[in-house]
Amino acid sequence: MTSTGILIRNTQPRDIAGVVALQRECFPAPFPEELLWQAEHIARHLEIFPEGQWVAEHEGQIVASCTNLLLFEEHWQAHLDWESTVGGHFLRAHTPGGTTLYGVDLSVAPASRGQGIGRSLYQARFDFVRAHALSRYGTAVRMPDYQSQAQGQTPQAYAEAVAAGTLTDRTLTPLLRMGTEFLGVIENHMDDEESGHAAAILEWRP
């Protein structure tokens, strides 16, 4: 439970429709529709790794969700594109016994942002890493302000500037402030014009 009365809990089958609707609210066009979760994807995530999926609930409504899987060390260190890293929308790359909790997605409804919900979901991830004695939490995140702020910079140079504090990115900056470490950039990570089709590699260790 957060201080705002929002319940952070594991995702349940009854939440699937709410999670699917939330994705459309959080990632409107030009974000590609085909990259968003469908009901069958969420159902599969709950089959293979139910303890690694969370939602935030407020007055019976799903206002945030996050999706995760486990990766072996070699797979994490390869820093591949999104499809190769997670195994597509059905998370075919999930490996029980893996040592990295990989953050696939985190979505917070626009009207619920600024209340610490995203931070609470990240804390659930960090707590899971500690509780299961994993090596790390790792992810590769969008840089949605790249397209508007890059001014000719490469995604790598832009991410380095954000990590150094000379630029601010609405996704990358808050995650760095939560204690994640910037490790580099994956080019051609996914079809994402706003981010220059790239993603910033982040890691958190207990």
N, C-alpha and C. Protein backbone atom coordinates (compact mmCIF):
# COMPACT_ATOMS: atom_id res chain seq x y z
N MET A 1 0.85 -1.20 0.00
CA MET A 1 0.00 0.00 0.00
C MET A 1 0.89 1.25 0.00
N THR A 2 0.59 2.21 -0.87
CA THR A 2 1.33 3.46 -0.90
C THR A 2 0.66 4.47 0.02
N SER A 3 1.33 5.60 0.23
CA SER A 3 0.78 6.63 1.11
C SER A 3 -0.47 7.27 0.54
N THR A 4 -0.71 7.11 -0.76
CA THR A 4 -1.87 7.71 -1.41
C THR A 4 -3.07 6.77 -1.39
N GLY A 5 -2.99 5.65 -0.67
CA GLY A 5 -4.10 4.71 -0.61
C GLY A 5 -4.20 3.82 -1.82
N ILE A 6 -3.14 3.71 -2.58
CA ILE A 6 -3.11 2.86 -3.76
C ILE A 6 -2.46 1.53 -3.39
N LEU A 7 -3.12 0.45 -3.72
CA LEU A 7 -2.66 -0.89 -3.37
C LEU A 7 -1.73 -1.44 -4.46
N ILE A 8 -0.52 -1.81 -4.07
CA ILE A 8 0.42 -2.50 -4.96
C ILE A 8 0.31 -3.99 -4.66
N ARG A 9 -0.01 -4.79 -5.65
CA ARG A 9 -0.19 -6.22 -5.44
C ARG A 9 0.15 -6.98 -6.72
N ASN A 10 0.27 -8.30 -6.59
CA ASN A 10 0.49 -9.13 -7.78
C ASN A 10 -0.74 -9.10 -8.68
N THR A 11 -0.50 -9.10 -9.96
CA THR A 11 -1.55 -9.12 -10.97
C THR A 11 -2.34 -10.43 -10.87
N GLN A 12 -3.65 -10.34 -11.05
CA GLN A 12 -4.53 -11.50 -11.04
C GLN A 12 -5.25 -11.60 -12.38
N PRO A 13 -5.78 -12.78 -12.72
CA PRO A 13 -6.51 -12.90 -13.99
C PRO A 13 -7.63 -11.87 -14.15
N ARG A 14 -8.27 -11.48 -13.06
CA ARG A 14 -9.36 -10.50 -13.16
C ARG A 14 -8.87 -9.12 -13.60
N ASP A 15 -7.56 -8.90 -13.55
CA ASP A 15 -6.99 -7.59 -13.90
C ASP A 15 -6.66 -7.46 -15.38
N ILE A 16 -6.78 -8.54 -16.14
CA ILE A 16 -6.25 -8.54 -17.51
C ILE A 16 -6.86 -7.43 -18.37
N ALA A 17 -8.18 -7.29 -18.35
CA ALA A 17 -8.82 -6.25 -19.17
C ALA A 17 -8.34 -4.86 -18.77
N GLY A 18 -8.17 -4.63 -17.49
CA GLY A 18 -7.70 -3.34 -17.02
C GLY A 18 -6.29 -3.03 -17.45
N VAL A 19 -5.43 -4.05 -17.44
CA VAL A 19 -4.04 -3.86 -17.86
C VAL A 19 -3.98 -3.56 -19.35
N VAL A 20 -4.78 -4.27 -20.14
CA VAL A 20 -4.80 -4.04 -21.60
C VAL A 20 -5.29 -2.62 -21.90
N ALA A 21 -6.34 -2.18 -21.24
CA ALA A 21 -6.85 -0.82 -21.45
C ALA A 21 -5.83 0.23 -21.02
N LEU A 22 -5.14 -0.03 -19.93
CA LEU A 22 -4.13 0.90 -19.43
C LEU A 22 -3.04 1.14 -20.45
N GLN A 23 -2.61 0.08 -21.14
CA GLN A 23 -1.56 0.23 -22.15
C GLN A 23 -1.95 1.24 -23.22
N ARG A 24 -3.19 1.18 -23.70
CA ARG A 24 -3.64 2.10 -24.75
C ARG A 24 -3.68 3.53 -24.24
N GLU A 25 -4.00 3.69 -22.96
CA GLU A 25 -4.04 5.02 -22.37
C GLU A 25 -2.64 5.60 -22.22
N CYS A 26 -1.69 4.74 -21.87
CA CYS A 26 -0.33 5.20 -21.60
C CYS A 26 0.52 5.40 -22.85
N PHE A 27 0.24 4.61 -23.87
CA PHE A 27 1.06 4.65 -25.08
C PHE A 27 0.20 4.89 -26.32
N PRO A 28 -0.34 6.09 -26.46
CA PRO A 28 -1.14 6.41 -27.64
C PRO A 28 -0.24 6.56 -28.88
N ALA A 29 -0.85 6.66 -30.04
CA ALA A 29 -0.10 6.92 -31.27
C ALA A 29 0.76 8.17 -31.07
N PRO A 30 1.99 8.20 -31.60
CA PRO A 30 2.51 7.31 -32.64
C PRO A 30 3.15 6.01 -32.14
N PHE A 31 3.02 5.70 -30.85
CA PHE A 31 3.58 4.43 -30.38
C PHE A 31 2.84 3.30 -31.09
N PRO A 32 3.58 2.33 -31.66
CA PRO A 32 2.94 1.30 -32.49
C PRO A 32 1.98 0.40 -31.69
N GLU A 33 0.75 0.30 -32.16
CA GLU A 33 -0.28 -0.52 -31.51
C GLU A 33 0.16 -1.97 -31.39
N GLU A 34 0.89 -2.45 -32.38
CA GLU A 34 1.27 -3.87 -32.36
C GLU A 34 2.28 -4.20 -31.26
N LEU A 35 2.86 -3.19 -30.62
CA LEU A 35 3.79 -3.43 -29.52
C LEU A 35 3.08 -3.52 -28.17
N LEU A 36 1.79 -3.22 -28.13
CA LEU A 36 1.06 -3.19 -26.86
C LEU A 36 0.53 -4.58 -26.50
N TRP A 37 0.33 -4.79 -25.20
CA TRP A 37 -0.18 -6.07 -24.72
C TRP A 37 -1.61 -6.32 -25.18
N GLN A 38 -1.89 -7.58 -25.52
CA GLN A 38 -3.25 -8.07 -25.71
C GLN A 38 -3.58 -8.97 -24.52
N ALA A 39 -4.85 -9.32 -24.38
CA ALA A 39 -5.28 -10.13 -23.24
C ALA A 39 -4.56 -11.46 -23.18
N GLU A 40 -4.35 -12.09 -24.32
CA GLU A 40 -3.68 -13.40 -24.32
C GLU A 40 -2.23 -13.31 -23.86
N HIS A 41 -1.60 -12.16 -24.08
CA HIS A 41 -0.22 -11.98 -23.61
C HIS A 41 -0.20 -11.93 -22.08
N ILE A 42 -1.05 -11.11 -21.50
CA ILE A 42 -1.08 -10.99 -20.04
C ILE A 42 -1.42 -12.32 -19.39
N ALA A 43 -2.35 -13.03 -19.98
CA ALA A 43 -2.72 -14.35 -19.43
C ALA A 43 -1.51 -15.28 -19.41
N ARG A 44 -0.71 -15.23 -20.45
CA ARG A 44 0.48 -16.08 -20.50
C ARG A 44 1.50 -15.66 -19.46
N HIS A 45 1.69 -14.36 -19.27
CA HIS A 45 2.63 -13.88 -18.25
C HIS A 45 2.25 -14.43 -16.87
N LEU A 46 0.94 -14.47 -16.61
CA LEU A 46 0.47 -14.97 -15.32
C LEU A 46 0.64 -16.48 -15.19
N GLU A 47 0.69 -17.17 -16.30
CA GLU A 47 0.94 -18.61 -16.27
C GLU A 47 2.40 -18.91 -15.94
N ILE A 48 3.32 -18.18 -16.57
CA ILE A 48 4.73 -18.55 -16.48
C ILE A 48 5.45 -17.90 -15.31
N PHE A 49 4.98 -16.72 -14.84
CA PHE A 49 5.72 -16.00 -13.80
C PHE A 49 4.77 -15.10 -13.02
N PRO A 50 3.77 -15.67 -12.36
CA PRO A 50 2.76 -14.84 -11.69
C PRO A 50 3.32 -13.97 -10.58
N GLU A 51 4.35 -14.45 -9.88
CA GLU A 51 4.91 -13.68 -8.78
C GLU A 51 5.71 -12.47 -9.25
N GLY A 52 5.97 -12.37 -10.55
CA GLY A 52 6.75 -11.27 -11.09
C GLY A 52 5.94 -10.21 -11.83
N GLN A 53 4.62 -10.24 -11.66
CA GLN A 53 3.76 -9.25 -12.31
C GLN A 53 3.00 -8.49 -11.23
N TRP A 54 2.95 -7.15 -11.36
CA TRP A 54 2.28 -6.32 -10.36
C TRP A 54 1.35 -5.29 -10.99
N VAL A 55 0.35 -4.91 -10.23
CA VAL A 55 -0.51 -3.79 -10.59
C VAL A 55 -0.64 -2.85 -9.41
N ALA A 56 -1.07 -1.64 -9.70
CA ALA A 56 -1.48 -0.68 -8.67
C ALA A 56 -2.97 -0.46 -8.84
N GLU A 57 -3.71 -0.60 -7.75
CA GLU A 57 -5.17 -0.49 -7.79
C GLU A 57 -5.63 0.66 -6.91
N HIS A 58 -6.57 1.45 -7.43
CA HIS A 58 -7.16 2.55 -6.67
C HIS A 58 -8.66 2.53 -6.87
N GLU A 59 -9.40 2.34 -5.79
CA GLU A 59 -10.86 2.31 -5.82
C GLU A 59 -11.38 1.35 -6.89
N GLY A 60 -10.75 0.17 -6.94
CA GLY A 60 -11.19 -0.87 -7.85
C GLY A 60 -10.70 -0.74 -9.28
N GLN A 61 -9.93 0.31 -9.59
CA GLN A 61 -9.43 0.54 -10.94
C GLN A 61 -7.93 0.27 -11.00
N ILE A 62 -7.48 -0.33 -12.11
CA ILE A 62 -6.06 -0.54 -12.34
C ILE A 62 -5.47 0.76 -12.88
N VAL A 63 -4.59 1.37 -12.09
CA VAL A 63 -4.00 2.65 -12.50
C VAL A 63 -2.53 2.51 -12.90
N ALA A 64 -1.96 1.34 -12.72
CA ALA A 64 -0.58 1.09 -13.14
C ALA A 64 -0.34 -0.41 -13.18
N SER A 65 0.66 -0.80 -13.97
CA SER A 65 1.04 -2.22 -14.03
C SER A 65 2.50 -2.32 -14.40
N CYS A 66 3.10 -3.44 -14.05
CA CYS A 66 4.45 -3.71 -14.54
C CYS A 66 4.61 -5.20 -14.82
N THR A 67 5.40 -5.47 -15.85
CA THR A 67 5.63 -6.81 -16.37
C THR A 67 7.11 -7.14 -16.25
N ASN A 68 7.43 -8.36 -15.83
CA ASN A 68 8.83 -8.75 -15.61
C ASN A 68 9.03 -10.21 -15.98
N LEU A 69 10.30 -10.56 -16.19
CA LEU A 69 10.68 -11.96 -16.39
C LEU A 69 12.06 -12.17 -15.79
N LEU A 70 12.50 -13.42 -15.78
CA LEU A 70 13.84 -13.76 -15.30
C LEU A 70 14.73 -14.16 -16.46
N LEU A 71 15.99 -13.72 -16.41
CA LEU A 71 16.98 -14.04 -17.44
C LEU A 71 18.22 -14.63 -16.79
N PHE A 72 18.87 -15.56 -17.50
CA PHE A 72 20.18 -16.02 -17.08
C PHE A 72 21.21 -14.94 -17.33
N GLU A 73 22.35 -15.04 -16.66
CA GLU A 73 23.40 -14.03 -16.72
C GLU A 73 23.84 -13.73 -18.15
N GLU A 74 24.11 -14.76 -18.93
CA GLU A 74 24.62 -14.56 -20.29
C GLU A 74 23.61 -13.81 -21.16
N HIS A 75 22.35 -14.11 -20.95
CA HIS A 75 21.30 -13.46 -21.74
C HIS A 75 21.22 -11.98 -21.40
N TRP A 76 21.28 -11.65 -20.12
CA TRP A 76 21.28 -10.24 -19.71
C TRP A 76 22.50 -9.52 -20.28
N GLN A 77 23.66 -10.10 -20.15
CA GLN A 77 24.89 -9.44 -20.57
C GLN A 77 24.96 -9.22 -22.08
N ALA A 78 24.18 -9.95 -22.85
CA ALA A 78 24.21 -9.80 -24.31
C ALA A 78 23.59 -8.48 -24.77
N HIS A 79 22.67 -7.91 -23.98
CA HIS A 79 22.02 -6.63 -24.29
C HIS A 79 21.51 -6.61 -25.73
N LEU A 80 20.57 -7.49 -26.01
CA LEU A 80 19.99 -7.64 -27.33
C LEU A 80 18.79 -6.72 -27.52
N ASP A 81 18.22 -6.70 -28.72
CA ASP A 81 17.01 -5.92 -28.97
C ASP A 81 15.85 -6.49 -28.16
N TRP A 82 14.74 -5.74 -28.12
CA TRP A 82 13.61 -6.10 -27.26
C TRP A 82 13.09 -7.50 -27.57
N GLU A 83 12.86 -7.77 -28.83
CA GLU A 83 12.29 -9.07 -29.22
C GLU A 83 13.20 -10.21 -28.79
N SER A 84 14.49 -10.09 -29.01
CA SER A 84 15.43 -11.15 -28.66
C SER A 84 15.60 -11.28 -27.16
N THR A 85 15.53 -10.16 -26.44
CA THR A 85 15.72 -10.20 -24.99
C THR A 85 14.56 -10.88 -24.29
N VAL A 86 13.32 -10.50 -24.62
CA VAL A 86 12.18 -11.00 -23.87
C VAL A 86 11.47 -12.17 -24.54
N GLY A 87 11.78 -12.42 -25.81
CA GLY A 87 11.12 -13.51 -26.51
C GLY A 87 9.73 -13.15 -26.97
N GLY A 88 9.53 -11.89 -27.32
CA GLY A 88 8.23 -11.46 -27.84
C GLY A 88 7.20 -11.24 -26.75
N HIS A 89 5.98 -10.99 -27.19
CA HIS A 89 4.91 -10.60 -26.26
C HIS A 89 4.51 -11.71 -25.30
N PHE A 90 4.83 -12.94 -25.63
CA PHE A 90 4.52 -14.04 -24.73
C PHE A 90 5.67 -14.36 -23.77
N LEU A 91 6.72 -13.52 -23.79
CA LEU A 91 7.87 -13.65 -22.88
C LEU A 91 8.50 -15.05 -22.95
N ARG A 92 8.75 -15.52 -24.15
CA ARG A 92 9.32 -16.86 -24.34
C ARG A 92 10.73 -16.98 -23.80
N ALA A 93 11.39 -15.85 -23.54
CA ALA A 93 12.76 -15.89 -23.00
C ALA A 93 12.79 -16.05 -21.49
N HIS A 94 11.63 -16.06 -20.84
CA HIS A 94 11.62 -16.23 -19.38
C HIS A 94 12.27 -17.55 -18.99
N THR A 95 13.21 -17.47 -18.03
CA THR A 95 13.96 -18.66 -17.61
C THR A 95 13.87 -18.81 -16.10
N PRO A 96 13.00 -19.70 -15.60
CA PRO A 96 12.96 -19.94 -14.15
C PRO A 96 14.35 -20.29 -13.64
N GLY A 97 14.73 -19.68 -12.54
CA GLY A 97 16.07 -19.86 -12.01
C GLY A 97 17.05 -18.82 -12.51
N GLY A 98 16.60 -17.91 -13.38
CA GLY A 98 17.47 -16.84 -13.85
C GLY A 98 17.87 -15.91 -12.72
N THR A 99 18.98 -15.20 -12.90
CA THR A 99 19.54 -14.36 -11.84
C THR A 99 19.27 -12.87 -12.02
N THR A 100 18.65 -12.49 -13.14
CA THR A 100 18.29 -11.09 -13.38
C THR A 100 16.79 -10.96 -13.50
N LEU A 101 16.19 -10.11 -12.66
CA LEU A 101 14.80 -9.74 -12.85
C LEU A 101 14.79 -8.64 -13.90
N TYR A 102 14.20 -8.93 -15.05
CA TYR A 102 14.22 -7.98 -16.17
C TYR A 102 12.88 -7.28 -16.25
N GLY A 103 12.92 -5.95 -16.24
CA GLY A 103 11.71 -5.15 -16.35
C GLY A 103 11.32 -4.96 -17.80
N VAL A 104 10.22 -5.58 -18.19
CA VAL A 104 9.76 -5.52 -19.57
C VAL A 104 8.96 -4.25 -19.82
N ASP A 105 8.12 -3.88 -18.87
CA ASP A 105 7.20 -2.77 -19.08
C ASP A 105 6.75 -2.23 -17.73
N LEU A 106 6.50 -0.92 -17.69
CA LEU A 106 5.84 -0.29 -16.55
C LEU A 106 4.97 0.83 -17.09
N SER A 107 3.69 0.80 -16.75
CA SER A 107 2.73 1.78 -17.26
C SER A 107 1.97 2.38 -16.10
N VAL A 108 1.88 3.72 -16.06
CA VAL A 108 1.09 4.42 -15.05
C VAL A 108 0.10 5.32 -15.80
N ALA A 109 -1.17 5.23 -15.45
CA ALA A 109 -2.19 6.05 -16.09
C ALA A 109 -1.83 7.52 -15.99
N PRO A 110 -1.98 8.29 -17.06
CA PRO A 110 -1.60 9.71 -17.02
C PRO A 110 -2.19 10.48 -15.85
N ALA A 111 -3.45 10.21 -15.50
CA ALA A 111 -4.09 10.95 -14.40
C ALA A 111 -3.54 10.56 -13.04
N SER A 112 -2.80 9.46 -12.97
CA SER A 112 -2.28 8.98 -11.69
C SER A 112 -0.79 9.21 -11.53
N ARG A 113 -0.18 9.90 -12.46
CA ARG A 113 1.26 10.14 -12.37
C ARG A 113 1.57 11.22 -11.35
N GLY A 114 2.81 11.22 -10.88
CA GLY A 114 3.23 12.20 -9.90
C GLY A 114 2.84 11.87 -8.48
N GLN A 115 2.37 10.65 -8.24
CA GLN A 115 1.94 10.25 -6.91
C GLN A 115 2.87 9.19 -6.30
N GLY A 116 3.96 8.89 -6.98
CA GLY A 116 4.89 7.90 -6.45
C GLY A 116 4.53 6.46 -6.78
N ILE A 117 3.57 6.25 -7.69
CA ILE A 117 3.14 4.89 -8.00
C ILE A 117 4.24 4.14 -8.75
N GLY A 118 4.85 4.79 -9.73
CA GLY A 118 5.94 4.14 -10.46
C GLY A 118 7.08 3.76 -9.53
N ARG A 119 7.41 4.65 -8.61
CA ARG A 119 8.47 4.36 -7.64
C ARG A 119 8.09 3.15 -6.78
N SER A 120 6.82 3.06 -6.39
CA SER A 120 6.38 1.93 -5.58
C SER A 120 6.49 0.61 -6.34
N LEU A 121 6.18 0.64 -7.63
CA LEU A 121 6.33 -0.58 -8.43
C LEU A 121 7.80 -0.95 -8.60
N TYR A 122 8.65 0.04 -8.75
CA TYR A 122 10.09 -0.25 -8.80
C TYR A 122 10.56 -0.82 -7.48
N GLN A 123 10.03 -0.30 -6.38
CA GLN A 123 10.42 -0.84 -5.09
C GLN A 123 9.99 -2.29 -4.94
N ALA A 124 8.83 -2.64 -5.51
CA ALA A 124 8.40 -4.04 -5.50
C ALA A 124 9.38 -4.91 -6.27
N ARG A 125 9.89 -4.39 -7.36
CA ARG A 125 10.91 -5.12 -8.13
C ARG A 125 12.19 -5.29 -7.31
N PHE A 126 12.65 -4.20 -6.71
CA PHE A 126 13.88 -4.27 -5.92
C PHE A 126 13.72 -5.22 -4.74
N ASP A 127 12.55 -5.17 -4.11
CA ASP A 127 12.29 -6.07 -2.98
C ASP A 127 12.31 -7.53 -3.43
N PHE A 128 11.79 -7.79 -4.63
CA PHE A 128 11.79 -9.15 -5.17
C PHE A 128 13.22 -9.63 -5.38
N VAL A 129 14.07 -8.76 -5.93
CA VAL A 129 15.48 -9.12 -6.14
C VAL A 129 16.13 -9.51 -4.82
N ARG A 130 15.91 -8.69 -3.80
CA ARG A 130 16.49 -8.99 -2.48
C ARG A 130 15.93 -10.30 -1.91
N ALA A 131 14.62 -10.44 -1.95
CA ALA A 131 13.97 -11.60 -1.32
C ALA A 131 14.38 -12.91 -1.96
N HIS A 132 14.69 -12.88 -3.27
CA HIS A 132 15.05 -14.10 -3.98
C HIS A 132 16.55 -14.21 -4.25
N ALA A 133 17.34 -13.33 -3.62
CA ALA A 133 18.80 -13.35 -3.73
C ALA A 133 19.25 -13.36 -5.19
N LEU A 134 18.62 -12.51 -6.01
CA LEU A 134 19.02 -12.39 -7.42
C LEU A 134 20.23 -11.46 -7.53
N SER A 135 20.88 -11.49 -8.68
CA SER A 135 22.06 -10.65 -8.89
C SER A 135 21.70 -9.19 -9.11
N ARG A 136 20.54 -8.96 -9.75
CA ARG A 136 20.22 -7.58 -10.13
C ARG A 136 18.78 -7.47 -10.62
N TYR A 137 18.34 -6.22 -10.71
CA TYR A 137 17.23 -5.82 -11.56
C TYR A 137 17.86 -5.16 -12.77
N GLY A 138 17.43 -5.53 -13.95
CA GLY A 138 17.96 -4.92 -15.16
C GLY A 138 16.85 -4.61 -16.14
N THR A 139 17.08 -3.65 -17.01
CA THR A 139 16.09 -3.31 -18.01
C THR A 139 16.74 -2.47 -19.11
N ALA A 140 16.00 -2.26 -20.17
CA ALA A 140 16.39 -1.32 -21.23
C ALA A 140 15.18 -0.43 -21.47
N VAL A 141 15.31 0.86 -21.22
CA VAL A 141 14.14 1.75 -21.18
C VAL A 141 14.11 2.72 -22.35
N ARG A 142 12.89 3.12 -22.67
CA ARG A 142 12.67 4.15 -23.68
C ARG A 142 13.27 5.47 -23.23
N MET A 143 13.55 6.32 -24.23
CA MET A 143 14.02 7.68 -23.97
C MET A 143 13.09 8.62 -24.74
N PRO A 144 11.87 8.83 -24.25
CA PRO A 144 10.84 9.48 -25.06
C PRO A 144 11.09 10.93 -25.41
N ASP A 145 12.04 11.59 -24.76
CA ASP A 145 12.34 12.98 -25.09
C ASP A 145 13.51 13.10 -26.06
N TYR A 146 14.04 11.98 -26.51
CA TYR A 146 15.18 12.02 -27.42
C TYR A 146 14.84 12.78 -28.70
N GLN A 147 13.73 12.43 -29.32
CA GLN A 147 13.39 13.02 -30.61
C GLN A 147 13.27 14.53 -30.54
N SER A 148 12.72 15.05 -29.45
CA SER A 148 12.50 16.49 -29.33
C SER A 148 13.70 17.25 -28.79
N GLN A 149 14.64 16.55 -28.13
CA GLN A 149 15.74 17.24 -27.46
C GLN A 149 17.12 16.92 -28.01
N ALA A 150 17.25 15.91 -28.85
CA ALA A 150 18.58 15.40 -29.20
C ALA A 150 19.43 16.40 -29.97
N GLN A 151 18.81 17.20 -30.84
CA GLN A 151 19.53 18.20 -31.63
C GLN A 151 20.75 17.60 -32.32
N GLY A 152 20.51 16.50 -33.01
CA GLY A 152 21.57 15.87 -33.79
C GLY A 152 22.43 14.89 -33.03
N GLN A 153 22.25 14.77 -31.74
CA GLN A 153 23.03 13.81 -30.96
C GLN A 153 22.61 12.38 -31.29
N THR A 154 23.53 11.47 -31.16
CA THR A 154 23.20 10.06 -31.25
C THR A 154 22.44 9.65 -29.98
N PRO A 155 21.69 8.56 -30.01
CA PRO A 155 21.05 8.09 -28.77
C PRO A 155 22.05 7.87 -27.63
N GLN A 156 23.23 7.36 -27.95
CA GLN A 156 24.25 7.14 -26.92
C GLN A 156 24.66 8.46 -26.27
N ALA A 157 24.93 9.47 -27.09
CA ALA A 157 25.35 10.77 -26.57
C ALA A 157 24.22 11.42 -25.76
N TYR A 158 22.99 11.28 -26.25
CA TYR A 158 21.84 11.83 -25.52
C TYR A 158 21.71 11.16 -24.16
N ALA A 159 21.77 9.83 -24.12
CA ALA A 159 21.63 9.11 -22.85
C ALA A 159 22.76 9.48 -21.89
N GLU A 160 23.97 9.64 -22.40
CA GLU A 160 25.09 10.03 -21.55
C GLU A 160 24.85 11.42 -20.96
N ALA A 161 24.27 12.33 -21.76
CA ALA A 161 23.98 13.67 -21.26
C ALA A 161 22.91 13.63 -20.17
N VAL A 162 21.92 12.76 -20.34
CA VAL A 162 20.89 12.61 -19.31
C VAL A 162 21.50 12.03 -18.05
N ALA A 163 22.35 11.01 -18.22
CA ALA A 163 23.00 10.39 -17.06
C ALA A 163 23.89 11.38 -16.32
N ALA A 164 24.49 12.31 -17.07
CA ALA A 164 25.35 13.32 -16.46
C ALA A 164 24.56 14.47 -15.84
N GLY A 165 23.26 14.54 -16.14
CA GLY A 165 22.43 15.58 -15.57
C GLY A 165 22.35 16.85 -16.38
N THR A 166 22.92 16.86 -17.58
CA THR A 166 22.87 18.06 -18.41
C THR A 166 21.61 18.11 -19.27
N LEU A 167 20.94 16.98 -19.43
CA LEU A 167 19.63 16.92 -20.07
C LEU A 167 18.70 16.13 -19.16
N THR A 168 17.41 16.34 -19.34
CA THR A 168 16.40 15.61 -18.56
C THR A 168 15.49 14.85 -19.50
N ASP A 169 15.27 13.60 -19.21
CA ASP A 169 14.34 12.77 -19.98
C ASP A 169 13.26 12.27 -19.03
N ARG A 170 12.02 12.36 -19.44
CA ARG A 170 10.91 12.07 -18.50
C ARG A 170 10.87 10.62 -18.03
N THR A 171 11.50 9.71 -18.77
CA THR A 171 11.58 8.32 -18.31
C THR A 171 12.92 8.01 -17.69
N LEU A 172 13.99 8.31 -18.39
CA LEU A 172 15.33 7.93 -17.95
C LEU A 172 15.75 8.67 -16.67
N THR A 173 15.49 9.96 -16.59
CA THR A 173 15.94 10.73 -15.43
C THR A 173 15.37 10.21 -14.11
N PRO A 174 14.05 9.98 -13.99
CA PRO A 174 13.53 9.48 -12.71
C PRO A 174 14.11 8.12 -12.32
N LEU A 175 14.38 7.27 -13.30
CA LEU A 175 14.91 5.94 -12.99
C LEU A 175 16.34 6.04 -12.48
N LEU A 176 17.11 6.94 -13.02
CA LEU A 176 18.47 7.16 -12.51
C LEU A 176 18.42 7.68 -11.08
N ARG A 177 17.43 8.51 -10.79
CA ARG A 177 17.29 9.05 -9.43
C ARG A 177 16.86 7.98 -8.43
N MET A 178 16.31 6.88 -8.91
CA MET A 178 15.93 5.78 -8.03
C MET A 178 17.12 4.89 -7.67
N GLY A 179 18.28 5.17 -8.24
CA GLY A 179 19.46 4.40 -7.90
C GLY A 179 19.90 3.40 -8.94
N THR A 180 19.27 3.41 -10.13
CA THR A 180 19.75 2.53 -11.19
C THR A 180 21.02 3.12 -11.81
N GLU A 181 21.81 2.26 -12.39
CA GLU A 181 23.07 2.67 -13.02
C GLU A 181 22.94 2.58 -14.53
N PHE A 182 23.37 3.62 -15.24
CA PHE A 182 23.36 3.64 -16.70
C PHE A 182 24.55 2.87 -17.24
N LEU A 183 24.28 1.87 -18.09
CA LEU A 183 25.35 1.02 -18.62
C LEU A 183 25.64 1.24 -20.10
N GLY A 184 24.77 1.93 -20.80
CA GLY A 184 24.97 2.11 -22.24
C GLY A 184 23.64 2.14 -22.96
N VAL A 185 23.70 2.02 -24.28
CA VAL A 185 22.51 2.13 -25.13
C VAL A 185 22.45 0.94 -26.08
N ILE A 186 21.27 0.42 -26.31
CA ILE A 186 21.04 -0.59 -27.34
C ILE A 186 20.42 0.11 -28.54
N GLU A 187 21.12 0.13 -29.65
CA GLU A 187 20.58 0.70 -30.89
C GLU A 187 19.58 -0.28 -31.50
N ASN A 188 18.61 0.26 -32.25
CA ASN A 188 17.62 -0.58 -32.92
C ASN A 188 16.95 -1.55 -31.94
N HIS A 189 16.58 -1.02 -30.78
CA HIS A 189 15.98 -1.84 -29.73
C HIS A 189 14.57 -2.26 -30.08
N MET A 190 13.79 -1.30 -30.59
CA MET A 190 12.43 -1.58 -31.07
C MET A 190 12.00 -0.44 -31.97
N ASP A 191 10.86 -0.60 -32.62
CA ASP A 191 10.30 0.45 -33.48
C ASP A 191 9.74 1.54 -32.59
N ASP A 192 10.51 2.61 -32.38
CA ASP A 192 10.14 3.65 -31.43
C ASP A 192 10.81 4.96 -31.85
N GLU A 193 10.11 5.73 -32.68
CA GLU A 193 10.69 6.95 -33.23
C GLU A 193 11.06 7.95 -32.16
N GLU A 194 10.22 8.10 -31.13
CA GLU A 194 10.49 9.08 -30.07
C GLU A 194 11.85 8.84 -29.43
N SER A 195 12.23 7.57 -29.28
CA SER A 195 13.49 7.21 -28.62
C SER A 195 14.64 7.00 -29.61
N GLY A 196 14.42 7.35 -30.86
CA GLY A 196 15.45 7.08 -31.86
C GLY A 196 15.65 5.58 -32.07
N HIS A 197 14.61 4.82 -31.78
CA HIS A 197 14.62 3.34 -31.89
C HIS A 197 15.65 2.70 -30.95
N ALA A 198 16.09 3.45 -29.95
CA ALA A 198 17.12 2.96 -29.04
C ALA A 198 16.56 2.86 -27.62
N ALA A 199 17.33 2.24 -26.73
CA ALA A 199 16.94 2.12 -25.33
C ALA A 199 18.18 2.22 -24.45
N ALA A 200 18.01 2.80 -23.28
CA ALA A 200 19.10 2.93 -22.31
C ALA A 200 19.12 1.71 -21.40
N ILE A 201 20.29 1.12 -21.23
CA ILE A 201 20.46 -0.06 -20.37
C ILE A 201 20.66 0.42 -18.94
N LEU A 202 19.82 -0.09 -18.03
CA LEU A 202 19.92 0.27 -16.62
C LEU A 202 20.03 -0.99 -15.76
N GLU A 203 20.72 -0.85 -14.65
CA GLU A 203 20.92 -1.97 -13.74
C GLU A 203 20.81 -1.46 -12.30
N TRP A 204 20.21 -2.28 -11.44
CA TRP A 204 20.20 -2.00 -10.02
C TRP A 204 20.63 -3.27 -9.29
N ARG A 205 21.59 -3.12 -8.39
CA ARG A 205 22.08 -4.27 -7.62
C ARG A 205 21.79 -4.06 -6.14
N PRO A 206 21.40 -5.13 -5.44
CA PRO A 206 21.11 -5.00 -4.00
C PRO A 206 22.37 -4.76 -3.19
